[in-house]
């Protein structure tokens, strides 16, 4: 049985392995970027604004995910963003504390193994919860061959909040803007017997319970 592991990228070796994944997926396969230069900073340790995660299968690099904390909602006008009815930038800002998911990719030979994506999301979500952030926001491509749109919306519960045609990646597909309320996700699936949800939420209960106990102690001292 294949062993899937995920680690936060902090060493030069992990960075090199992650850049290899980005090269194969975003440069060669998708042609969304022309170079991997500046994709991952040389020094990541101690950087609280961004986190990178690397998934491995039996020790071989398999996937990458990036988190960007407190993303700017100053959307470039040229992106021509169209929000869904009843949604605007101000309503998003007041909904919670956001972390942007980006550079979420799996090597082609491992895409049929759902544990890679689930383990990356589990590691990312655990860190986000620990840091008291409440929402994810991300873009996915509509109609693209390996778009995670269905995975995000049907499995994880992301909600579509807008669309735009233009962005930083060299792709002509429409970008779908998605957000996820992490607590809502956990409340929905915490008692599920689904192996997928158990895989995703393993360890979350302990984090939530520890934080709830800490808040209760703070109130008692208050």
Foldseek 3Di string as FASTA:
>chain_A
DKDKDKDKDADPVQVVLALVQCCVPQCPPVNFDPDCPPVDDPGDPPDPQKIKMFMDIVRHTWWIKMKGWQDDPPDDVVQVKDWDPPDDSVVVVPPWTEIEIDRTDTPPVCVVPVLNSLNVLQVVVVVCVLVPTFKYKYKWFPPDPPTCVCVCCVVQNWDFTIWGQDDSTPDRTIITMTMDGVVVSCVVPVPPPDPSSCSNCPPVVVSVVVVVVVVVVVVVVD
